[in-house]
């Protein structure tokens, strides 16, 4: 599946987590907004505070043997799906 297909899927099956912070430390929360790239990018822009902070959005893909796997909503990179703080 690609990013658009995951965004169109059920939020219960494929939740989106936003992680943002300063330096190396960040917090993670459930994203409950509109499930479009534009809406997610606007949310990330607000989280980044004009460059003072970093932010990313990951959508849940599946569980692997070791970890949960997610896809970055903006660039499609696959990696670790963060837990909510």
PDB file of N, CA and C in Angstrom:
ATOM      1  N   UNK A   1       0.838  -1.189   0.000  1.00  0.00           N
ATOM      2  CA  UNK A   1       0.000   0.000   0.000  1.00  0.00           C
ATOM      3  C   UNK A   1       0.881   1.250   0.000  1.00  0.00           C
ATOM      4  N   UNK A   2       0.396   2.319  -0.593  1.00  0.00           N
ATOM      5  CA  UNK A   2       1.140   3.581  -0.566  1.00  0.00           C
ATOM      6  C   UNK A   2       0.508   4.512   0.476  1.00  0.00           C
ATOM      7  N   UNK A   3       1.087   5.684   0.649  1.00  0.00           N
ATOM      8  CA  UNK A   3       0.627   6.619   1.681  1.00  0.00           C
ATOM      9  C   UNK A   3      -0.843   6.976   1.514  1.00  0.00           C
ATOM     10  N   UNK A   4      -1.266   7.263   0.295  1.00  0.00           N
ATOM     11  CA  UNK A   4      -2.664   7.650   0.055  1.00  0.00           C
ATOM     12  C   UNK A   4      -3.625   6.528   0.449  1.00  0.00           C
ATOM     13  N   UNK A   5      -3.247   5.289   0.184  1.00  0.00           N
ATOM     14  CA  UNK A   5      -4.107   4.159   0.542  1.00  0.00           C
ATOM     15  C   UNK A   5      -4.206   4.002   2.060  1.00  0.00           C
ATOM     16  N   UNK A   6      -3.085   4.198   2.765  1.00  0.00           N
ATOM     17  CA  UNK A   6      -3.120   4.127   4.227  1.00  0.00           C
ATOM     18  C   UNK A   6      -3.960   5.259   4.811  1.00  0.00           C
ATOM     19  N   UNK A   7      -3.859   6.453   4.231  1.00  0.00           N
ATOM     20  CA  UNK A   7      -4.656   7.581   4.716  1.00  0.00           C
ATOM     21  C   UNK A   7      -6.143   7.354   4.492  1.00  0.00           C
ATOM     22  N   UNK A   8      -6.493   6.670   3.418  1.00  0.00           N
ATOM     23  CA  UNK A   8      -7.893   6.387   3.116  1.00  0.00           C
ATOM     24  C   UNK A   8      -8.446   5.245   3.971  1.00  0.00           C
ATOM     25  N   UNK A   9      -7.569   4.451   4.564  1.00  0.00           N
ATOM     26  CA  UNK A   9      -7.990   3.317   5.388  1.00  0.00           C
ATOM     27  C   UNK A   9      -8.528   3.802   6.736  1.00  0.00           C
ATOM     28  N   UNK A  10      -9.147   2.909   7.451  1.00  0.00           N
ATOM     29  CA  UNK A  10      -9.744   3.218   8.755  1.00  0.00           C
ATOM     30  C   UNK A  10      -8.707   3.752   9.744  1.00  0.00           C
ATOM     31  N   UNK A  11      -9.079   4.816  10.453  1.00  0.00           N
ATOM     32  CA  UNK A  11      -8.199   5.386  11.483  1.00  0.00           C
ATOM     33  C   UNK A  11      -8.017   4.408  12.632  1.00  0.00           C
ATOM     34  N   UNK A  12      -8.974   3.507  12.839  1.00  0.00           N
ATOM     35  CA  UNK A  12      -8.835   2.498  13.898  1.00  0.00           C
ATOM     36  C   UNK A  12      -7.762   1.483  13.543  1.00  0.00           C
ATOM     37  N   UNK A  13      -7.662   1.123  12.262  1.00  0.00           N
ATOM     38  CA  UNK A  13      -6.676   0.139  11.821  1.00  0.00           C
ATOM     39  C   UNK A  13      -5.308   0.761  11.551  1.00  0.00           C
ATOM     40  N   UNK A  14      -5.285   2.012  11.130  1.00  0.00           N
ATOM     41  CA  UNK A  14      -4.042   2.685  10.753  1.00  0.00           C
ATOM     42  C   UNK A  14      -3.994   4.092  11.357  1.00  0.00           C
ATOM     43  N   UNK A  15      -3.821   4.194  12.687  1.00  0.00           N
ATOM     44  CA  UNK A  15      -3.758   5.515  13.323  1.00  0.00           C
ATOM     45  C   UNK A  15      -2.505   6.279  12.907  1.00  0.00           C
ATOM     46  N   UNK A  16      -2.574   7.589  13.073  1.00  0.00           N
ATOM     47  CA  UNK A  16      -1.441   8.466  12.791  1.00  0.00           C
ATOM     48  C   UNK A  16      -0.967   9.053  14.109  1.00  0.00           C
ATOM     49  N   UNK A  17       0.342   8.978  14.343  1.00  0.00           N
ATOM     50  CA  UNK A  17       0.949   9.575  15.534  1.00  0.00           C
ATOM     51  C   UNK A  17       1.857  10.710  15.096  1.00  0.00           C
ATOM     52  N   UNK A  18       1.733  11.849  15.771  1.00  0.00           N
ATOM     53  CA  UNK A  18       2.602  13.011  15.538  1.00  0.00           C
ATOM     54  C   UNK A  18       3.615  13.063  16.668  1.00  0.00           C
ATOM     55  N   UNK A  19       4.878  13.096  16.306  1.00  0.00           N
ATOM     56  CA  UNK A  19       5.943  13.239  17.278  1.00  0.00           C
ATOM     57  C   UNK A  19       6.625  14.574  17.008  1.00  0.00           C
ATOM     58  N   UNK A  20       6.790  15.392  18.058  1.00  0.00           N
ATOM     59  CA  UNK A  20       7.437  16.692  17.892  1.00  0.00           C
ATOM     60  C   UNK A  20       8.238  17.017  19.142  1.00  0.00           C
ATOM     61  N   UNK A  21       9.220  17.889  18.968  1.00  0.00           N
ATOM     62  CA  UNK A  21      10.029  18.266  20.114  1.00  0.00           C
ATOM     63  C   UNK A  21      11.156  19.201  19.746  1.00  0.00           C
ATOM     64  N   UNK A  22      12.067  19.358  20.701  1.00  0.00           N
ATOM     65  CA  UNK A  22      13.265  20.177  20.523  1.00  0.00           C
ATOM     66  C   UNK A  22      14.464  19.314  20.844  1.00  0.00           C
ATOM     67  N   UNK A  23      15.565  19.531  20.169  1.00  0.00           N
ATOM     68  CA  UNK A  23      16.742  18.696  20.402  1.00  0.00           C
ATOM     69  C   UNK A  23      16.442  17.257  20.035  1.00  0.00           C
ATOM     70  N   UNK A  24      16.835  16.324  20.901  1.00  0.00           N
ATOM     71  CA  UNK A  24      16.600  14.910  20.638  1.00  0.00           C
ATOM     72  C   UNK A  24      15.351  14.376  21.326  1.00  0.00           C
ATOM     73  N   UNK A  25      14.734  15.172  22.179  1.00  0.00           N
ATOM     74  CA  UNK A  25      13.592  14.718  22.958  1.00  0.00           C
ATOM     75  C   UNK A  25      12.298  15.207  22.318  1.00  0.00           C
ATOM     76  N   UNK A  26      11.333  14.295  22.193  1.00  0.00           N
ATOM     77  CA  UNK A  26      10.039  14.668  21.637  1.00  0.00           C
ATOM     78  C   UNK A  26       8.909  13.945  22.352  1.00  0.00           C
ATOM     79  N   UNK A  27       7.702  14.388  22.093  1.00  0.00           N
ATOM     80  CA  UNK A  27       6.521  13.727  22.640  1.00  0.00           C
ATOM     81  C   UNK A  27       5.651  13.277  21.472  1.00  0.00           C
ATOM     82  N   UNK A  28       4.871  12.233  21.720  1.00  0.00           N
ATOM     83  CA  UNK A  28       4.036  11.652  20.674  1.00  0.00           C
ATOM     84  C   UNK A  28       2.579  11.709  21.098  1.00  0.00           C
ATOM     85  N   UNK A  29       1.712  12.083  20.143  1.00  0.00           N
ATOM     86  CA  UNK A  29       0.284  12.130  20.415  1.00  0.00           C
ATOM     87  C   UNK A  29      -0.479  11.605  19.200  1.00  0.00           C
ATOM     88  N   UNK A  30      -1.711  11.200  19.427  1.00  0.00           N
ATOM     89  CA  UNK A  30      -2.581  10.708  18.368  1.00  0.00           C
ATOM     90  C   UNK A  30      -3.066  11.883  17.530  1.00  0.00           C
ATOM     91  N   UNK A  31      -2.971  11.766  16.218  1.00  0.00           N
ATOM     92  CA  UNK A  31      -3.495  12.776  15.296  1.00  0.00           C
ATOM     93  C   UNK A  31      -4.931  12.402  14.977  1.00  0.00           C
ATOM     94  N   UNK A  32      -5.845  13.333  15.198  1.00  0.00           N
ATOM     95  CA  UNK A  32      -7.258  13.062  14.954  1.00  0.00           C
ATOM     96  C   UNK A  32      -7.863  14.010  13.918  1.00  0.00           C
ATOM     97  N   UNK A  33      -7.007  14.708  13.204  1.00  0.00           N
ATOM     98  CA  UNK A  33      -7.492  15.645  12.190  1.00  0.00           C
ATOM     99  C   UNK A  33      -7.839  14.958  10.887  1.00  0.00           C
ATOM    100  N   UNK A  34      -8.053  15.772   9.873  1.00  0.00           N
ATOM    101  CA  UNK A  34      -8.397  15.281   8.551  1.00  0.00           C
ATOM    102  C   UNK A  34      -7.241  14.433   8.012  1.00  0.00           C
ATOM    103  N   UNK A  35      -7.566  13.311   7.389  1.00  0.00           N
ATOM    104  CA  UNK A  35      -6.546  12.373   6.922  1.00  0.00           C
ATOM    105  C   UNK A  35      -6.148  12.658   5.473  1.00  0.00           C
ATOM    106  N   UNK A  36      -5.556  13.848   5.259  1.00  0.00           N
ATOM    107  CA  UNK A  36      -5.012  14.216   3.951  1.00  0.00           C
ATOM    108  C   UNK A  36      -3.584  14.691   4.162  1.00  0.00           C
ATOM    109  N   UNK A  37      -2.778  14.578   3.119  1.00  0.00           N
ATOM    110  CA  UNK A  37      -1.388  15.045   3.197  1.00  0.00           C
ATOM    111  C   UNK A  37      -1.359  16.530   3.536  1.00  0.00           C
ATOM    112  N   UNK A  38      -2.206  17.310   2.888  1.00  0.00           N
ATOM    113  CA  UNK A  38      -2.224  18.763   3.134  1.00  0.00           C
ATOM    114  C   UNK A  38      -2.528  19.077   4.595  1.00  0.00           C
ATOM    115  N   UNK A  39      -3.549  18.448   5.159  1.00  0.00           N
ATOM    116  CA  UNK A  39      -3.910  18.708   6.558  1.00  0.00           C
ATOM    117  C   UNK A  39      -2.784  18.293   7.496  1.00  0.00           C
ATOM    118  N   UNK A  40      -2.157  17.175   7.221  1.00  0.00           N
ATOM    119  CA  UNK A  40      -1.060  16.696   8.075  1.00  0.00           C
ATOM    120  C   UNK A  40       0.134  17.634   7.965  1.00  0.00           C
ATOM    121  N   UNK A  41       0.471  18.069   6.748  1.00  0.00           N
ATOM    122  CA  UNK A  41       1.591  19.000   6.578  1.00  0.00           C
ATOM    123  C   UNK A  41       1.335  20.331   7.280  1.00  0.00           C
ATOM    124  N   UNK A  42       0.089  20.805   7.255  1.00  0.00           N
ATOM    125  CA  UNK A  42      -0.245  22.048   7.967  1.00  0.00           C
ATOM    126  C   UNK A  42      -0.065  21.862   9.472  1.00  0.00           C
ATOM    127  N   UNK A  43      -0.478  20.723   9.996  1.00  0.00           N
ATOM    128  CA  UNK A  43      -0.306  20.445  11.423  1.00  0.00           C
ATOM    129  C   UNK A  43       1.168  20.386  11.779  1.00  0.00           C
ATOM    130  N   UNK A  44       1.970  19.722  10.940  1.00  0.00           N
ATOM    131  CA  UNK A  44       3.405  19.635  11.203  1.00  0.00           C
ATOM    132  C   UNK A  44       4.054  21.014  11.166  1.00  0.00           C
ATOM    133  N   UNK A  45       3.614  21.861  10.246  1.00  0.00           N
ATOM    134  CA  UNK A  45       4.147  23.226  10.173  1.00  0.00           C
ATOM    135  C   UNK A  45       3.893  23.975  11.473  1.00  0.00           C
ATOM    136  N   UNK A  46       2.678  23.851  12.025  1.00  0.00           N
ATOM    137  CA  UNK A  46       2.365  24.510  13.303  1.00  0.00           C
ATOM    138  C   UNK A  46       3.231  23.939  14.424  1.00  0.00           C
ATOM    139  N   UNK A  47       3.431  22.631  14.428  1.00  0.00           N
ATOM    140  CA  UNK A  47       4.245  21.995  15.468  1.00  0.00           C
ATOM    141  C   UNK A  47       5.694  22.462  15.398  1.00  0.00           C
ATOM    142  N   UNK A  48       6.173  22.745  14.210  1.00  0.00           N
ATOM    143  CA  UNK A  48       7.590  23.132  14.034  1.00  0.00           C
ATOM    144  C   UNK A  48       7.878  24.565  14.464  1.00  0.00           C
ATOM    145  N   UNK A  49       6.873  25.362  14.661  1.00  0.00           N
ATOM    146  CA  UNK A  49       7.032  26.738  15.175  1.00  0.00           C
ATOM    147  C   UNK A  49       8.089  27.527  14.404  1.00  0.00           C
ATOM    148  N   UNK A  50       7.968  27.575  13.103  1.00  0.00           N
ATOM    149  CA  UNK A  50       8.901  28.329  12.255  1.00  0.00           C
ATOM    150  C   UNK A  50      10.356  27.919  12.449  1.00  0.00           C
ATOM    151  N   UNK A  51      10.605  26.642  12.659  1.00  0.00           N
ATOM    152  CA  UNK A  51      11.978  26.141  12.725  1.00  0.00           C
ATOM    153  C   UNK A  51      12.539  25.968  14.111  1.00  0.00           C
ATOM    154  N   UNK A  52      11.813  26.326  15.145  1.00  0.00           N
ATOM    155  CA  UNK A  52      12.309  26.175  16.509  1.00  0.00           C
ATOM    156  C   UNK A  52      12.221  24.727  16.992  1.00  0.00           C
ATOM    157  N   UNK A  53      11.363  23.940  16.376  1.00  0.00           N
ATOM    158  CA  UNK A  53      11.131  22.558  16.786  1.00  0.00           C
ATOM    159  C   UNK A  53      11.125  21.656  15.558  1.00  0.00           C
ATOM    160  N   UNK A  54      11.131  20.347  15.772  1.00  0.00           N
ATOM    161  CA  UNK A  54      10.992  19.382  14.690  1.00  0.00           C
ATOM    162  C   UNK A  54       9.688  18.609  14.909  1.00  0.00           C
ATOM    163  N   UNK A  55       9.163  18.032  13.842  1.00  0.00           N
ATOM    164  CA  UNK A  55       7.923  17.255  13.938  1.00  0.00           C
ATOM    165  C   UNK A  55       7.862  16.268  12.778  1.00  0.00           C
ATOM    166  N   UNK A  56       7.213  15.128  13.032  1.00  0.00           N
ATOM    167  CA  UNK A  56       6.968  14.154  11.974  1.00  0.00           C
ATOM    168  C   UNK A  56       5.662  13.430  12.264  1.00  0.00           C
ATOM    169  N   UNK A  57       5.056  12.904  11.211  1.00  0.00           N
ATOM    170  CA  UNK A  57       3.802  12.151  11.340  1.00  0.00           C
ATOM    171  C   UNK A  57       4.036  10.755  10.779  1.00  0.00           C
ATOM    172  N   UNK A  58       3.703   9.743  11.571  1.00  0.00           N
ATOM    173  CA  UNK A  58       3.853   8.350  11.160  1.00  0.00           C
ATOM    174  C   UNK A  58       2.486   7.673  11.185  1.00  0.00           C
ATOM    175  N   UNK A  59       2.191   6.914  10.139  1.00  0.00           N
ATOM    176  CA  UNK A  59       0.952   6.153  10.084  1.00  0.00           C
ATOM    177  C   UNK A  59       1.278   4.673  10.304  1.00  0.00           C
ATOM    178  N   UNK A  60       0.490   4.018  11.157  1.00  0.00           N
ATOM    179  CA  UNK A  60       0.724   2.623  11.511  1.00  0.00           C
ATOM    180  C   UNK A  60       0.507   1.728  10.288  1.00  0.00           C
ATOM    181  N   UNK A  61       1.474   0.829  10.052  1.00  0.00           N
ATOM    182  CA  UNK A  61       1.360  -0.123   8.950  1.00  0.00           C
ATOM    183  C   UNK A  61       1.038  -1.520   9.480  1.00  0.00           C
ATOM    184  N   UNK A  62       1.900  -2.034  10.348  1.00  0.00           N
ATOM    185  CA  UNK A  62       1.702  -3.381  10.888  1.00  0.00           C
ATOM    186  C   UNK A  62       2.655  -3.644  12.044  1.00  0.00           C
ATOM    187  N   UNK A  63       2.493  -4.788  12.653  1.00  0.00           N
ATOM    188  CA  UNK A  63       3.389  -5.227  13.716  1.00  0.00           C
ATOM    189  C   UNK A  63       4.399  -6.191  13.122  1.00  0.00           C
ATOM    190  N   UNK A  64       5.666  -5.966  13.386  1.00  0.00           N
ATOM    191  CA  UNK A  64       6.695  -6.917  12.991  1.00  0.00           C
ATOM    192  C   UNK A  64       7.011  -7.777  14.203  1.00  0.00           C
ATOM    193  N   UNK A  65       7.940  -8.674  14.071  1.00  0.00           N
ATOM    194  CA  UNK A  65       8.310  -9.537  15.193  1.00  0.00           C
ATOM    195  C   UNK A  65       8.890  -8.740  16.352  1.00  0.00           C
ATOM    196  N   UNK A  66       9.596  -7.652  16.048  1.00  0.00           N
ATOM    197  CA  UNK A  66      10.289  -6.894  17.087  1.00  0.00           C
ATOM    198  C   UNK A  66       9.589  -5.594  17.474  1.00  0.00           C
ATOM    199  N   UNK A  67       8.993  -4.897  16.526  1.00  0.00           N
ATOM    200  CA  UNK A  67       8.441  -3.566  16.761  1.00  0.00           C
ATOM    201  C   UNK A  67       7.213  -3.324  15.905  1.00  0.00           C
ATOM    202  N   UNK A  68       6.563  -2.217  16.169  1.00  0.00           N
ATOM    203  CA  UNK A  68       5.507  -1.727  15.284  1.00  0.00           C
ATOM    204  C   UNK A  68       6.176  -0.980  14.140  1.00  0.00           C
ATOM    205  N   UNK A  69       5.618  -1.110  12.950  1.00  0.00           N
ATOM    206  CA  UNK A  69       6.183  -0.477  11.769  1.00  0.00           C
ATOM    207  C   UNK A  69       5.225   0.597  11.278  1.00  0.00           C
ATOM    208  N   UNK A  70       5.790   1.759  10.923  1.00  0.00           N
ATOM    209  CA  UNK A  70       4.990   2.857  10.413  1.00  0.00           C
ATOM    210  C   UNK A  70       5.617   3.478   9.186  1.00  0.00           C
ATOM    211  N   UNK A  71       4.826   4.315   8.509  1.00  0.00           N
ATOM    212  CA  UNK A  71       5.299   5.025   7.328  1.00  0.00           C
ATOM    213  C   UNK A  71       5.179   6.521   7.577  1.00  0.00           C
ATOM    214  N   UNK A  72       6.256   7.253   7.272  1.00  0.00           N
ATOM    215  CA  UNK A  72       6.220   8.711   7.389  1.00  0.00           C
ATOM    216  C   UNK A  72       5.198   9.246   6.391  1.00  0.00           C
ATOM    217  N   UNK A  73       4.265  10.034   6.867  1.00  0.00           N
ATOM    218  CA  UNK A  73       3.171  10.531   6.021  1.00  0.00           C
ATOM    219  C   UNK A  73       3.626  11.502   4.948  1.00  0.00           C
ATOM    220  N   UNK A  74       4.765  12.147   5.119  1.00  0.00           N
ATOM    221  CA  UNK A  74       5.175  13.158   4.157  1.00  0.00           C
ATOM    222  C   UNK A  74       6.172  12.655   3.121  1.00  0.00           C
ATOM    223  N   UNK A  75       7.028  11.699   3.488  1.00  0.00           N
ATOM    224  CA  UNK A  75       8.012  11.237   2.502  1.00  0.00           C
ATOM    225  C   UNK A  75       7.962   9.732   2.219  1.00  0.00           C
ATOM    226  N   UNK A  76       7.096   8.987   2.904  1.00  0.00           N
ATOM    227  CA  UNK A  76       6.926   7.566   2.634  1.00  0.00           C
ATOM    228  C   UNK A  76       7.979   6.650   3.220  1.00  0.00           C
ATOM    229  N   UNK A  77       8.940   7.204   3.974  1.00  0.00           N
ATOM    230  CA  UNK A  77       9.953   6.364   4.606  1.00  0.00           C
ATOM    231  C   UNK A  77       9.295   5.432   5.620  1.00  0.00           C
ATOM    232  N   UNK A  78       9.755   4.203   5.664  1.00  0.00           N
ATOM    233  CA  UNK A  78       9.219   3.213   6.592  1.00  0.00           C
ATOM    234  C   UNK A  78      10.179   3.073   7.761  1.00  0.00           C
ATOM    235  N   UNK A  79       9.631   3.001   8.972  1.00  0.00           N
ATOM    236  CA  UNK A  79      10.466   2.871  10.162  1.00  0.00           C
ATOM    237  C   UNK A  79       9.638   2.543  11.381  1.00  0.00           C
ATOM    238  N   UNK A  80      10.212   2.816  12.519  1.00  0.00           N
ATOM    239  CA  UNK A  80       9.585   2.533  13.809  1.00  0.00           C
ATOM    240  C   UNK A  80       8.340   3.404  14.007  1.00  0.00           C
ATOM    241  N   UNK A  81       7.233   2.796  14.441  1.00  0.00           N
ATOM    242  CA  UNK A  81       6.006   3.526  14.751  1.00  0.00           C
ATOM    243  C   UNK A  81       6.017   3.889  16.223  1.00  0.00           C
ATOM    244  N   UNK A  82       6.049   5.189  16.559  1.00  0.00           N
ATOM    245  CA  UNK A  82       6.212   5.607  17.956  1.00  0.00           C
ATOM    246  C   UNK A  82       4.983   5.347  18.827  1.00  0.00           C
ATOM    247  N   UNK A  83       5.234   5.044  20.080  1.00  0.00           N
ATOM    248  CA  UNK A  83       4.170   4.862  21.081  1.00  0.00           C
ATOM    249  C   UNK A  83       3.713   6.234  21.555  1.00  0.00           C
ATOM    250  N   UNK A  84       2.449   6.339  21.971  1.00  0.00           N
ATOM    251  CA  UNK A  84       1.943   7.596  22.537  1.00  0.00           C
ATOM    252  C   UNK A  84       2.486   7.748  23.941  1.00  0.00           C
ATOM    253  N   UNK A  85       2.930   8.962  24.272  1.00  0.00           N
ATOM    254  CA  UNK A  85       3.492   9.247  25.600  1.00  0.00           C
ATOM    255  C   UNK A  85       2.417   9.250  26.655  1.00  0.00           C
TER     256      UNK A  85
END
